[in-house]
C-alpha atoms as a PDB file:
ATOM      1  CA  UNK A   1      87.212  96.197 111.623  1.00  0.00           C
ATOM      2  CA  UNK A   2      90.208  94.444 113.082  1.00  0.00           C
ATOM      3  CA  UNK A   3      93.026  96.880 114.069  1.00  0.00           C
ATOM      4  CA  UNK A   4      96.511  96.061 113.782  1.00  0.00           C
ATOM      5  CA  UNK A   5      97.624  99.623 115.181  1.00  0.00           C
ATOM      6  CA  UNK A   6     100.741  97.663 117.095  1.00  0.00           C
ATOM      7  CA  UNK A   7     101.811  95.663 113.837  1.00  0.00           C
ATOM      8  CA  UNK A   8     105.870  95.568 114.089  1.00  0.00           C
ATOM      9  CA  UNK A   9     105.875  96.986 117.307  1.00  0.00           C
ATOM     10  CA  UNK A  10     107.314  95.178 120.563  1.00  0.00           C
ATOM     11  CA  UNK A  11     105.627  95.028 123.737  1.00  0.00           C
ATOM     12  CA  UNK A  12     106.980  93.693 127.044  1.00  0.00           C
ATOM     13  CA  UNK A  13     104.099  92.988 129.624  1.00  0.00           C
ATOM     14  CA  UNK A  14     105.569  91.559 133.219  1.00  0.00           C
ATOM     15  CA  UNK A  15     103.282  89.588 135.165  1.00  0.00           C
ATOM     16  CA  UNK A  16     101.443  88.180 132.128  1.00  0.00           C
ATOM     17  CA  UNK A  17     100.814  84.511 133.025  1.00  0.00           C
ATOM     18  CA  UNK A  18      97.258  85.165 133.978  1.00  0.00           C
ATOM     19  CA  UNK A  19      94.650  87.374 134.874  1.00  0.00           C
ATOM     20  CA  UNK A  20      95.128  91.248 134.054  1.00  0.00           C
ATOM     21  CA  UNK A  21      98.224  90.988 132.428  1.00  0.00           C
ATOM     22  CA  UNK A  22      97.071  87.633 130.487  1.00  0.00           C
ATOM     23  CA  UNK A  23      94.071  89.526 128.855  1.00  0.00           C
ATOM     24  CA  UNK A  24      96.587  92.752 128.177  1.00  0.00           C
ATOM     25  CA  UNK A  25      99.331  90.624 126.447  1.00  0.00           C
ATOM     26  CA  UNK A  26      96.546  89.141 124.136  1.00  0.00           C
ATOM     27  CA  UNK A  27      95.268  92.255 123.357  1.00  0.00           C
ATOM     28  CA  UNK A  28      98.408  93.601 121.957  1.00  0.00           C
ATOM     29  CA  UNK A  29      99.123  90.077 120.242  1.00  0.00           C
ATOM     30  CA  UNK A  30      95.697  90.305 118.656  1.00  0.00           C
ATOM     31  CA  UNK A  31      96.827  93.864 116.983  1.00  0.00           C
ATOM     32  CA  UNK A  32      99.625  92.770 115.718  1.00  0.00           C
ATOM     33  CA  UNK A  33     102.363  93.449 118.237  1.00  0.00           C
ATOM     34  CA  UNK A  34     105.369  91.040 118.975  1.00  0.00           C
ATOM     35  CA  UNK A  35     104.595  90.545 122.869  1.00  0.00           C
ATOM     36  CA  UNK A  36     107.298  89.325 125.525  1.00  0.00           C
ATOM     37  CA  UNK A  37     105.206  87.662 128.287  1.00  0.00           C
ATOM     38  CA  UNK A  38     106.547  87.688 131.856  1.00  0.00           C
ATOM     39  CA  UNK A  39     106.004  85.856 134.447  1.00  0.00           C
ATOM     40  CA  UNK A  40     107.811  84.123 137.890  1.00  0.00           C
ATOM     41  CA  UNK A  41     106.115  80.894 136.739  1.00  0.00           C
ATOM     42  CA  UNK A  42     107.665  79.900 133.516  1.00  0.00           C
ATOM     43  CA  UNK A  43     105.059  77.364 132.098  1.00  0.00           C
ATOM     44  CA  UNK A  44     102.208  79.888 132.709  1.00  0.00           C
ATOM     45  CA  UNK A  45     104.148  82.149 130.639  1.00  0.00           C
ATOM     46  CA  UNK A  46     105.037  79.524 128.074  1.00  0.00           C
ATOM     47  CA  UNK A  47     100.895  78.569 127.855  1.00  0.00           C
ATOM     48  CA  UNK A  48     100.070  82.112 127.455  1.00  0.00           C
ATOM     49  CA  UNK A  49     102.730  82.964 124.869  1.00  0.00           C
ATOM     50  CA  UNK A  50     101.693  79.665 122.943  1.00  0.00           C
ATOM     51  CA  UNK A  51      97.864  80.970 123.329  1.00  0.00           C
ATOM     52  CA  UNK A  52      98.869  84.060 121.740  1.00  0.00           C
ATOM     53  CA  UNK A  53     100.829  82.587 118.809  1.00  0.00           C
ATOM     54  CA  UNK A  54     103.101  84.215 116.227  1.00  0.00           C
ATOM     55  CA  UNK A  55     106.134  85.589 117.761  1.00  0.00           C
ATOM     56  CA  UNK A  56     105.089  85.744 121.311  1.00  0.00           C
ATOM     57  CA  UNK A  57     108.197  84.990 123.722  1.00  0.00           C
ATOM     58  CA  UNK A  58     108.078  83.844 126.932  1.00  0.00           C
ATOM     59  CA  UNK A  59     110.631  85.110 130.010  1.00  0.00           C
ATOM     60  CA  UNK A  60     110.262  83.918 133.145  1.00  0.00           C
ATOM     61  CA  UNK A  61     112.161  86.394 136.333  1.00  0.00           C
ATOM     62  CA  UNK A  62     111.542  87.875 139.475  1.00  0.00           C
ATOM     63  CA  UNK A  63     111.137  91.514 138.677  1.00  0.00           C
ATOM     64  CA  UNK A  64     112.143  92.370 141.910  1.00  0.00           C
ATOM     65  CA  UNK A  65     115.893  91.774 141.305  1.00  0.00           C
ATOM     66  CA  UNK A  66     118.293  93.273 138.826  1.00  0.00           C
ATOM     67  CA  UNK A  67     119.939  90.627 137.616  1.00  0.00           C
ATOM     68  CA  UNK A  68     116.785  88.882 136.807  1.00  0.00           C
ATOM     69  CA  UNK A  69     115.296  91.923 135.139  1.00  0.00           C
ATOM     70  CA  UNK A  70     118.570  92.436 133.159  1.00  0.00           C
ATOM     71  CA  UNK A  71     118.298  89.230 131.949  1.00  0.00           C
ATOM     72  CA  UNK A  72     115.007  89.265 130.665  1.00  0.00           C
ATOM     73  CA  UNK A  73     115.519  92.575 128.735  1.00  0.00           C
ATOM     74  CA  UNK A  74     119.020  91.178 127.351  1.00  0.00           C
ATOM     75  CA  UNK A  75     116.951  88.140 125.827  1.00  0.00           C
ATOM     76  CA  UNK A  76     114.385  90.442 124.638  1.00  0.00           C
ATOM     77  CA  UNK A  77     116.177  92.691 122.780  1.00  0.00           C
ATOM     78  CA  UNK A  78     118.296  89.956 121.533  1.00  0.00           C
ATOM     79  CA  UNK A  79     115.318  88.474 120.159  1.00  0.00           C
ATOM     80  CA  UNK A  80     113.597  91.554 118.742  1.00  0.00           C
ATOM     81  CA  UNK A  81     115.808  94.438 118.749  1.00  0.00           C
ATOM     82  CA  UNK A  82     113.415  97.239 119.973  1.00  0.00           C
ATOM     83  CA  UNK A  83     111.324  97.724 122.378  1.00  0.00           C
ATOM     84  CA  UNK A  84     108.017 100.147 121.901  1.00  0.00           C
ATOM     85  CA  UNK A  85     105.934  99.449 125.259  1.00  0.00           C
ATOM     86  CA  UNK A  86     106.544  98.340 128.873  1.00  0.00           C
ATOM     87  CA  UNK A  87     103.500  97.023 130.481  1.00  0.00           C
ATOM     88  CA  UNK A  88     104.363  96.960 134.653  1.00  0.00           C
ATOM     89  CA  UNK A  89     101.578  94.302 135.549  1.00  0.00           C
ATOM     90  CA  UNK A  90     103.636  92.213 138.105  1.00  0.00           C
ATOM     91  CA  UNK A  91     102.344  92.345 141.458  1.00  0.00           C
ATOM     92  CA  UNK A  92     102.386  90.705 144.506  1.00  0.00           C
ATOM     93  CA  UNK A  93      99.155  90.996 147.041  1.00  0.00           C
ATOM     94  CA  UNK A  94     100.291  88.534 149.788  1.00  0.00           C
ATOM     95  CA  UNK A  95      98.078  87.554 152.540  1.00  0.00           C
ATOM     96  CA  UNK A  96      96.246  91.030 154.157  1.00  0.00           C
ATOM     97  CA  UNK A  97      98.106  91.564 157.356  1.00  0.00           C
ATOM     98  CA  UNK A  98      97.246  93.946 159.630  1.00  0.00           C
ATOM     99  CA  UNK A  99      99.689  96.665 160.613  1.00  0.00           C
ATOM    100  CA  UNK A 100     100.787  96.062 164.008  1.00  0.00           C
ATOM    101  CA  UNK A 101     101.842  92.297 162.653  1.00  0.00           C
ATOM    102  CA  UNK A 102     103.500  93.276 159.816  1.00  0.00           C
ATOM    103  CA  UNK A 103     107.115  93.132 159.709  1.00  0.00           C
ATOM    104  CA  UNK A 104     110.502  93.749 157.465  1.00  0.00           C
ATOM    105  CA  UNK A 105     110.274  90.846 155.146  1.00  0.00           C
ATOM    106  CA  UNK A 106     106.387  91.219 154.561  1.00  0.00           C
ATOM    107  CA  UNK A 107     107.359  94.816 153.636  1.00  0.00           C
ATOM    108  CA  UNK A 108     110.086  94.188 151.470  1.00  0.00           C
ATOM    109  CA  UNK A 109     108.332  91.133 149.916  1.00  0.00           C
ATOM    110  CA  UNK A 110     105.308  93.381 148.969  1.00  0.00           C
ATOM    111  CA  UNK A 111     107.121  96.773 147.848  1.00  0.00           C
ATOM    112  CA  UNK A 112     110.197  94.728 145.993  1.00  0.00           C
ATOM    113  CA  UNK A 113     107.537  93.231 143.519  1.00  0.00           C
ATOM    114  CA  UNK A 114     105.317  95.973 143.190  1.00  0.00           C
ATOM    115  CA  UNK A 115     107.396  98.992 143.248  1.00  0.00           C
ATOM    116  CA  UNK A 116     110.785  98.505 142.923  1.00  0.00           C
ATOM    117  CA  UNK A 117     110.014  95.715 140.187  1.00  0.00           C
ATOM    118  CA  UNK A 118     108.394  98.900 138.669  1.00  0.00           C
ATOM    119  CA  UNK A 119     111.600 100.624 139.177  1.00  0.00           C
ATOM    120  CA  UNK A 120     113.821  97.978 137.472  1.00  0.00           C
ATOM    121  CA  UNK A 121     111.811  97.292 134.472  1.00  0.00           C
ATOM    122  CA  UNK A 122     110.800 101.011 133.964  1.00  0.00           C
ATOM    123  CA  UNK A 123     115.087 102.240 134.409  1.00  0.00           C
ATOM    124  CA  UNK A 124     116.067  99.331 132.060  1.00  0.00           C
ATOM    125  CA  UNK A 125     113.071 100.168 129.103  1.00  0.00           C
ATOM    126  CA  UNK A 126     113.794 103.898 129.472  1.00  0.00           C
ATOM    127  CA  UNK A 127     117.543 103.936 128.776  1.00  0.00           C
ATOM    128  CA  UNK A 128     116.661 102.105 125.505  1.00  0.00           C
ATOM    129  CA  UNK A 129     113.538 103.935 124.668  1.00  0.00           C
ATOM    130  CA  UNK A 130     115.203 107.553 125.028  1.00  0.00           C
ATOM    131  CA  UNK A 131     117.560 106.350 122.725  1.00  0.00           C
ATOM    132  CA  UNK A 132     115.063 105.240 120.289  1.00  0.00           C
ATOM    133  CA  UNK A 133     113.316 108.376 120.694  1.00  0.00           C
ATOM    134  CA  UNK A 134     110.284 107.048 121.422  1.00  0.00           C
ATOM    135  CA  UNK A 135     108.392 104.583 123.785  1.00  0.00           C
ATOM    136  CA  UNK A 136     105.348 103.719 126.293  1.00  0.00           C
ATOM    137  CA  UNK A 137     105.694 102.873 130.281  1.00  0.00           C
ATOM    138  CA  UNK A 138     101.841 102.103 131.342  1.00  0.00           C
ATOM    139  CA  UNK A 139     102.181 100.946 135.225  1.00  0.00           C
ATOM    140  CA  UNK A 140      99.336  98.891 136.981  1.00  0.00           C
ATOM    141  CA  UNK A 141      98.188 100.586 140.136  1.00  0.00           C
ATOM    142  CA  UNK A 142      95.332 100.469 142.214  1.00  0.00           C
ATOM    143  CA  UNK A 143      92.238 102.122 144.170  1.00  0.00           C
ATOM    144  CA  UNK A 144      94.671 101.396 147.530  1.00  0.00           C
ATOM    145  CA  UNK A 145      96.871 104.247 146.316  1.00  0.00           C
ATOM    146  CA  UNK A 146      94.330 106.897 147.269  1.00  0.00           C
ATOM    147  CA  UNK A 147      91.592 104.829 149.596  1.00  0.00           C
ATOM    148  CA  UNK A 148      93.004 102.846 152.267  1.00  0.00           C
ATOM    149  CA  UNK A 149      92.066  98.910 152.669  1.00  0.00           C
ATOM    150  CA  UNK A 150      92.368  97.914 156.318  1.00  0.00           C
ATOM    151  CA  UNK A 151      94.889  94.893 156.626  1.00  0.00           C
ATOM    152  CA  UNK A 152      96.947  96.122 153.458  1.00  0.00           C
ATOM    153  CA  UNK A 153      99.338  98.802 154.445  1.00  0.00           C
ATOM    154  CA  UNK A 154     102.363  97.615 152.461  1.00  0.00           C
ATOM    155  CA  UNK A 155     100.511  96.803 149.399  1.00  0.00           C
ATOM    156  CA  UNK A 156      98.665 100.574 149.376  1.00  0.00           C
ATOM    157  CA  UNK A 157     102.127 101.747 150.159  1.00  0.00           C
ATOM    158  CA  UNK A 158     103.147 100.114 146.807  1.00  0.00           C
ATOM    159  CA  UNK A 159     100.465 101.324 145.113  1.00  0.00           C
ATOM    160  CA  UNK A 160     100.786 105.502 146.113  1.00  0.00           C
ATOM    161  CA  UNK A 161     104.194 104.793 145.313  1.00  0.00           C
ATOM    162  CA  UNK A 162     103.599 104.014 141.770  1.00  0.00           C
ATOM    163  CA  UNK A 163     101.170 106.616 140.938  1.00  0.00           C
ATOM    164  CA  UNK A 164     104.056 109.034 142.419  1.00  0.00           C
ATOM    165  CA  UNK A 165     106.360 107.547 140.406  1.00  0.00           C
ATOM    166  CA  UNK A 166     104.456 107.544 137.280  1.00  0.00           C
ATOM    167  CA  UNK A 167     104.062 111.113 137.434  1.00  0.00           C
ATOM    168  CA  UNK A 168     107.744 112.059 138.285  1.00  0.00           C
ATOM    169  CA  UNK A 169     108.724 109.413 135.466  1.00  0.00           C
ATOM    170  CA  UNK A 170     106.469 111.669 132.811  1.00  0.00           C
ATOM    171  CA  UNK A 171     108.220 114.652 133.789  1.00  0.00           C
ATOM    172  CA  UNK A 172     111.842 113.419 133.234  1.00  0.00           C
ATOM    173  CA  UNK A 173     111.129 111.279 130.061  1.00  0.00           C
ATOM    174  CA  UNK A 174     108.774 113.992 128.471  1.00  0.00           C
ATOM    175  CA  UNK A 175     111.403 115.561 126.731  1.00  0.00           C
ATOM    176  CA  UNK A 176     112.788 112.375 125.335  1.00  0.00           C
ATOM    177  CA  UNK A 177     109.672 110.958 123.677  1.00  0.00           C
ATOM    178  CA  UNK A 178     108.675 108.365 126.302  1.00  0.00           C
ATOM    179  CA  UNK A 179     105.110 108.796 127.647  1.00  0.00           C
ATOM    180  CA  UNK A 180     104.296 107.066 130.986  1.00  0.00           C
ATOM    181  CA  UNK A 181     101.196 106.645 132.710  1.00  0.00           C
ATOM    182  CA  UNK A 182      99.197 104.346 135.006  1.00  0.00           C
ATOM    183  CA  UNK A 183      95.684 101.861 134.930  1.00  0.00           C
ATOM    184  CA  UNK A 184      93.771 101.944 138.212  1.00  0.00           C
ATOM    185  CA  UNK A 185      91.659  99.031 138.405  1.00  0.00           C
ATOM    186  CA  UNK A 186      88.911  98.372 140.439  1.00  0.00           C
ATOM    187  CA  UNK A 187      87.582  95.232 141.956  1.00  0.00           C
ATOM    188  CA  UNK A 188      88.436  92.470 139.323  1.00  0.00           C
ATOM    189  CA  UNK A 189      87.549  88.871 138.644  1.00  0.00           C
ATOM    190  CA  UNK A 190      91.349  87.465 138.515  1.00  0.00           C
ATOM    191  CA  UNK A 191      91.134  84.987 141.190  1.00  0.00           C
ATOM    192  CA  UNK A 192      88.852  81.850 141.816  1.00  0.00           C
ATOM    193  CA  UNK A 193      85.709  83.044 143.671  1.00  0.00           C
ATOM    194  CA  UNK A 194      82.695  81.282 143.984  1.00  0.00           C
ATOM    195  CA  UNK A 195      79.940  82.584 142.169  1.00  0.00           C
ATOM    196  CA  UNK A 196      78.032  83.677 145.343  1.00  0.00           C
ATOM    197  CA  UNK A 197      81.505  85.521 146.612  1.00  0.00           C
ATOM    198  CA  UNK A 198      81.627  87.319 142.791  1.00  0.00           C
ATOM    199  CA  UNK A 199      78.292  88.406 143.455  1.00  0.00           C
ATOM    200  CA  UNK A 200      78.473  89.621 146.856  1.00  0.00           C
ATOM    201  CA  UNK A 201      81.757  91.385 145.869  1.00  0.00           C
ATOM    202  CA  UNK A 202      80.068  93.134 143.316  1.00  0.00           C
ATOM    203  CA  UNK A 203      77.309  94.845 145.154  1.00  0.00           C
ATOM    204  CA  UNK A 204      79.750  97.468 145.959  1.00  0.00           C
ATOM    205  CA  UNK A 205      80.625  98.344 142.602  1.00  0.00           C
ATOM    206  CA  UNK A 206      77.944 100.959 140.744  1.00  0.00           C
ATOM    207  CA  UNK A 207      77.957  99.061 137.221  1.00  0.00           C
ATOM    208  CA  UNK A 208      76.209  96.131 139.220  1.00  0.00           C
ATOM    209  CA  UNK A 209      79.324  93.753 138.675  1.00  0.00           C
ATOM    210  CA  UNK A 210      83.135  92.696 139.098  1.00  0.00           C
ATOM    211  CA  UNK A 211      85.474  93.859 136.418  1.00  0.00           C
ATOM    212  CA  UNK A 212      86.985  91.297 133.915  1.00  0.00           C
ATOM    213  CA  UNK A 213      90.763  91.083 133.141  1.00  0.00           C
ATOM    214  CA  UNK A 214      89.303  91.817 129.668  1.00  0.00           C
ATOM    215  CA  UNK A 215      87.924  95.243 130.809  1.00  0.00           C
ATOM    216  CA  UNK A 216      91.355  96.706 131.996  1.00  0.00           C
ATOM    217  CA  UNK A 217      92.764  95.448 128.520  1.00  0.00           C
ATOM    218  CA  UNK A 218      91.098  98.072 126.179  1.00  0.00           C
ATOM    219  CA  UNK A 219      92.145 101.036 128.293  1.00  0.00           C
ATOM    220  CA  UNK A 220      95.941  99.658 129.017  1.00  0.00           C
ATOM    221  CA  UNK A 221      96.437  99.253 125.185  1.00  0.00           C
ATOM    222  CA  UNK A 222      94.601 102.945 124.264  1.00  0.00           C
ATOM    223  CA  UNK A 223      97.116 104.229 126.361  1.00  0.00           C
ATOM    224  CA  UNK A 224     100.042 102.662 124.030  1.00  0.00           C
ATOM    225  CA  UNK A 225      98.438 104.200 121.178  1.00  0.00           C
ATOM    226  CA  UNK A 226      99.011 107.568 118.500  1.00  0.00           C
ATOM    227  CA  UNK A 227      95.198 108.330 119.909  1.00  0.00           C
ATOM    228  CA  UNK A 228      96.878 108.499 123.269  1.00  0.00           C
ATOM    229  CA  UNK A 229     100.030 110.735 122.235  1.00  0.00           C
ATOM    230  CA  UNK A 230      99.366 113.833 124.244  1.00  0.00           C
ATOM    231  CA  UNK A 231      98.606 111.790 127.223  1.00  0.00           C
ATOM    232  CA  UNK A 232     101.100 111.536 129.845  1.00  0.00           C
ATOM    233  CA  UNK A 233     101.654 111.438 133.869  1.00  0.00           C
ATOM    234  CA  UNK A 234      98.137 110.321 134.000  1.00  0.00           C
ATOM    235  CA  UNK A 235      96.536 107.495 136.122  1.00  0.00           C
ATOM    236  CA  UNK A 236      93.266 106.025 134.147  1.00  0.00           C
ATOM    237  CA  UNK A 237      90.777 104.586 136.762  1.00  0.00           C
ATOM    238  CA  UNK A 238      88.922 101.722 134.974  1.00  0.00           C
ATOM    239  CA  UNK A 239      86.720 100.512 138.149  1.00  0.00           C
ATOM    240  CA  UNK A 240      82.902 100.626 137.542  1.00  0.00           C
ATOM    241  CA  UNK A 241      82.873 103.592 139.491  1.00  0.00           C
ATOM    242  CA  UNK A 242      83.697 102.407 142.823  1.00  0.00           C
ATOM    243  CA  UNK A 243      86.325 105.100 143.898  1.00  0.00           C
ATOM    244  CA  UNK A 244      83.549 108.043 142.952  1.00  0.00           C
ATOM    245  CA  UNK A 245      80.983 106.603 145.432  1.00  0.00           C
ATOM    246  CA  UNK A 246      80.569 107.531 149.420  1.00  0.00           C
ATOM    247  CA  UNK A 247      79.565 104.500 150.733  1.00  0.00           C
ATOM    248  CA  UNK A 248      80.513 101.703 153.114  1.00  0.00           C
ATOM    249  CA  UNK A 249      81.401  98.234 151.458  1.00  0.00           C
ATOM    250  CA  UNK A 250      78.675  95.765 152.302  1.00  0.00           C
ATOM    251  CA  UNK A 251      81.589  93.279 151.784  1.00  0.00           C
ATOM    252  CA  UNK A 252      84.371  93.789 154.812  1.00  0.00           C
ATOM    253  CA  UNK A 253      87.064  91.566 153.461  1.00  0.00           C
ATOM    254  CA  UNK A 254      89.124  92.338 156.937  1.00  0.00           C
ATOM    255  CA  UNK A 255      86.576  92.510 159.924  1.00  0.00           C
ATOM    256  CA  UNK A 256      87.503  93.755 163.253  1.00  0.00           C
ATOM    257  CA  UNK A 257      87.677  90.217 164.438  1.00  0.00           C
ATOM    258  CA  UNK A 258      90.843  89.650 162.821  1.00  0.00           C
ATOM    259  CA  UNK A 259      92.526  92.749 164.554  1.00  0.00           C
ATOM    260  CA  UNK A 260      95.249  91.502 166.886  1.00  0.00           C
ATOM    261  CA  UNK A 261      94.639  91.658 170.409  1.00  0.00           C
ATOM    262  CA  UNK A 262      96.724  94.052 172.453  1.00  0.00           C
ATOM    263  CA  UNK A 263      97.541  94.259 176.209  1.00  0.00           C
END
């Protein structure tokens, strides 16, 4: 049976031009939502919106810029007049860098998109949803929020902030009928890995493979449904069992040979 749980609803997904964001946007579109797809790359967002069809709308914006976020929300609300779901998926992984080699620009770039961007979008969406009396905000976290990745101090800090912000936002917004939750993806095949590398990296996953963007779409959409109406402040882990195990990864993406030589 084809589900149309979001018929007439408006959903805005940031970072929706590819990977997890696109899979989430496509799933919402398939369930009847009018989807606003944001991406830094305008052509990529437009192509994804075209693939969804219907009333899907593409908007290019840098979520770390308040001016661009305001422009994006103004355009979406002018087009549809409402907003029911926000998915803060836009993120910046950036090149892995040892803590000792980090600098202010590196720190600001990662936290600007990953944490400040989620704040700016959520803040704008929440003001509308509170007046509306309902709404759902879903943030995208990472295993790095609670487990460390070598060479990814700024990224892990940004995702730890996402989970803390999710819980605090949930408390502040619950009295107004707005729910806030987060998805915690595991090792997801969202970049161009060779088949050999994908198999090798999948060895750390108890379920035996890397996740696909589509594996995140269903759980994300679930958190926006009426079936999840009593869930807020939660972080839903979708990782094939990676975070529950106690063993070292066989794939070290930041080996000791990459550590800086000091002295």
